[in-house]
Each structure stands twice: as structure tokens, then as C-alpha cells.
């Protein structure tokens, strides 16, 4: 990241996992407040997500902020 020749802002995504029983067991995952990404170029650096949530799900959630690009 130090070698990126542009203004860079880092956001760390935290998650909270809750098991819910509504007649059947399921797991809900909540993420902290999304940063305002509208028109920003976003690079997601994936780490291990042990909650069973896929990286694709996280990309979709971040994409709802309408970033300029998302990779």
C-alpha cells in the first residue's frame, strides 16, 4: 500500500455473528457502518472471514454504496 502513488484511505471491516432460531437455525452476520464509497475506487484486500460469509457477499454489500470501481 505504501507504493500506491495516490491518496489512500483505509477502512477495516468488522463483523458480528449471531445465531438466530426462528423455527430453524440460521446465522446472521452484521458488518459495522459502511463508509461512503460513492465515486471512490475501492480495492478490497481479503483476509480470512471465518463466519462463513463469502467474499462475494461482502463485495455486493460494498457495491451498494456505488463506488467508482470495486475490485
C-alpha atoms as a PDB file:
ATOM      1  CA  UNK A   1       0.000   0.000   0.000  1.00  0.00           C
ATOM      2  CA  UNK A   2       2.901   2.312   0.640  1.00  0.00           C
ATOM      3  CA  UNK A   3       3.803   2.127  -3.019  1.00  0.00           C
ATOM      4  CA  UNK A   4       0.429   3.373  -4.280  1.00  0.00           C
ATOM      5  CA  UNK A   5       1.046   6.823  -5.693  1.00  0.00           C
ATOM      6  CA  UNK A   6      -2.337   8.323  -4.814  1.00  0.00           C
ATOM      7  CA  UNK A   7      -4.359   9.474  -1.849  1.00  0.00           C
ATOM      8  CA  UNK A   8      -5.336   6.339   0.097  1.00  0.00           C
ATOM      9  CA  UNK A   9      -7.846   5.828   2.903  1.00  0.00           C
ATOM     10  CA  UNK A  10      -8.034   2.528   4.795  1.00  0.00           C
ATOM     11  CA  UNK A  11     -11.223   1.129   6.279  1.00  0.00           C
ATOM     12  CA  UNK A  12     -11.307  -2.040   8.312  1.00  0.00           C
ATOM     13  CA  UNK A  13     -14.456  -4.143   8.201  1.00  0.00           C
ATOM     14  CA  UNK A  14     -15.601  -5.717  11.425  1.00  0.00           C
ATOM     15  CA  UNK A  15     -18.304  -8.295  11.709  1.00  0.00           C
ATOM     16  CA  UNK A  16     -20.635  -9.584  14.385  1.00  0.00           C
ATOM     17  CA  UNK A  17     -22.163 -13.043  14.092  1.00  0.00           C
ATOM     18  CA  UNK A  18     -25.446 -14.000  15.727  1.00  0.00           C
ATOM     19  CA  UNK A  19     -27.200 -17.367  15.624  1.00  0.00           C
ATOM     20  CA  UNK A  20     -30.962 -16.906  15.174  1.00  0.00           C
ATOM     21  CA  UNK A  21     -33.635 -19.530  15.728  1.00  0.00           C
ATOM     22  CA  UNK A  22     -36.952 -18.767  14.008  1.00  0.00           C
ATOM     23  CA  UNK A  23     -38.239 -22.300  13.728  1.00  0.00           C
ATOM     24  CA  UNK A  24     -34.955 -23.169  12.035  1.00  0.00           C
ATOM     25  CA  UNK A  25     -31.410 -22.217  12.919  1.00  0.00           C
ATOM     26  CA  UNK A  26     -29.544 -19.739  10.790  1.00  0.00           C
ATOM     27  CA  UNK A  27     -26.637 -17.404  11.212  1.00  0.00           C
ATOM     28  CA  UNK A  28     -26.830 -13.658  10.670  1.00  0.00           C
ATOM     29  CA  UNK A  29     -23.749 -11.587  10.016  1.00  0.00           C
ATOM     30  CA  UNK A  30     -23.690  -7.874  10.660  1.00  0.00           C
ATOM     31  CA  UNK A  31     -20.993  -5.503   9.486  1.00  0.00           C
ATOM     32  CA  UNK A  32     -20.126  -2.169  11.008  1.00  0.00           C
ATOM     33  CA  UNK A  33     -21.210   1.069   9.376  1.00  0.00           C
ATOM     34  CA  UNK A  34     -20.295   1.217   5.707  1.00  0.00           C
ATOM     35  CA  UNK A  35     -18.003   4.030   4.641  1.00  0.00           C
ATOM     36  CA  UNK A  36     -19.284   6.424   1.971  1.00  0.00           C
ATOM     37  CA  UNK A  37     -17.722   4.930  -1.161  1.00  0.00           C
ATOM     38  CA  UNK A  38     -19.674   6.804  -3.820  1.00  0.00           C
ATOM     39  CA  UNK A  39     -17.377   7.520  -6.786  1.00  0.00           C
ATOM     40  CA  UNK A  40     -14.322   6.130  -4.952  1.00  0.00           C
ATOM     41  CA  UNK A  41     -12.060   3.475  -6.422  1.00  0.00           C
ATOM     42  CA  UNK A  42     -12.113   0.586  -3.934  1.00  0.00           C
ATOM     43  CA  UNK A  43      -9.640  -2.263  -3.580  1.00  0.00           C
ATOM     44  CA  UNK A  44     -10.786  -4.968  -1.176  1.00  0.00           C
ATOM     45  CA  UNK A  45      -7.907  -6.842   0.396  1.00  0.00           C
ATOM     46  CA  UNK A  46      -9.429 -10.043   1.683  1.00  0.00           C
ATOM     47  CA  UNK A  47      -8.452 -11.697   4.893  1.00  0.00           C
ATOM     48  CA  UNK A  48      -9.861 -14.853   6.374  1.00  0.00           C
ATOM     49  CA  UNK A  49     -13.568 -14.454   7.060  1.00  0.00           C
ATOM     50  CA  UNK A  50     -14.405 -17.294   9.422  1.00  0.00           C
ATOM     51  CA  UNK A  51     -18.131 -16.626   9.712  1.00  0.00           C
ATOM     52  CA  UNK A  52     -18.972 -18.491   6.511  1.00  0.00           C
ATOM     53  CA  UNK A  53     -19.742 -15.243   4.677  1.00  0.00           C
ATOM     54  CA  UNK A  54     -18.321 -15.262   1.210  1.00  0.00           C
ATOM     55  CA  UNK A  55     -16.172 -12.518  -0.203  1.00  0.00           C
ATOM     56  CA  UNK A  56     -18.784 -12.115  -2.948  1.00  0.00           C
ATOM     57  CA  UNK A  57     -21.410 -11.199  -0.351  1.00  0.00           C
ATOM     58  CA  UNK A  58     -19.119  -8.532   1.092  1.00  0.00           C
ATOM     59  CA  UNK A  59     -18.402  -7.167  -2.400  1.00  0.00           C
ATOM     60  CA  UNK A  60     -22.149  -6.896  -3.081  1.00  0.00           C
ATOM     61  CA  UNK A  61     -22.692  -5.024   0.179  1.00  0.00           C
ATOM     62  CA  UNK A  62     -19.862  -2.600  -0.576  1.00  0.00           C
ATOM     63  CA  UNK A  63     -21.176  -2.178  -4.122  1.00  0.00           C
ATOM     64  CA  UNK A  64     -24.435  -0.795  -2.750  1.00  0.00           C
ATOM     65  CA  UNK A  65     -22.524   2.427  -1.982  1.00  0.00           C
ATOM     66  CA  UNK A  66     -21.992   2.942  -5.730  1.00  0.00           C
ATOM     67  CA  UNK A  67     -18.196   3.161  -5.803  1.00  0.00           C
ATOM     68  CA  UNK A  68     -16.436   4.296  -8.986  1.00  0.00           C
ATOM     69  CA  UNK A  69     -14.787   0.869  -9.176  1.00  0.00           C
ATOM     70  CA  UNK A  70     -14.637  -2.148  -6.886  1.00  0.00           C
ATOM     71  CA  UNK A  71     -12.062  -4.897  -7.137  1.00  0.00           C
END
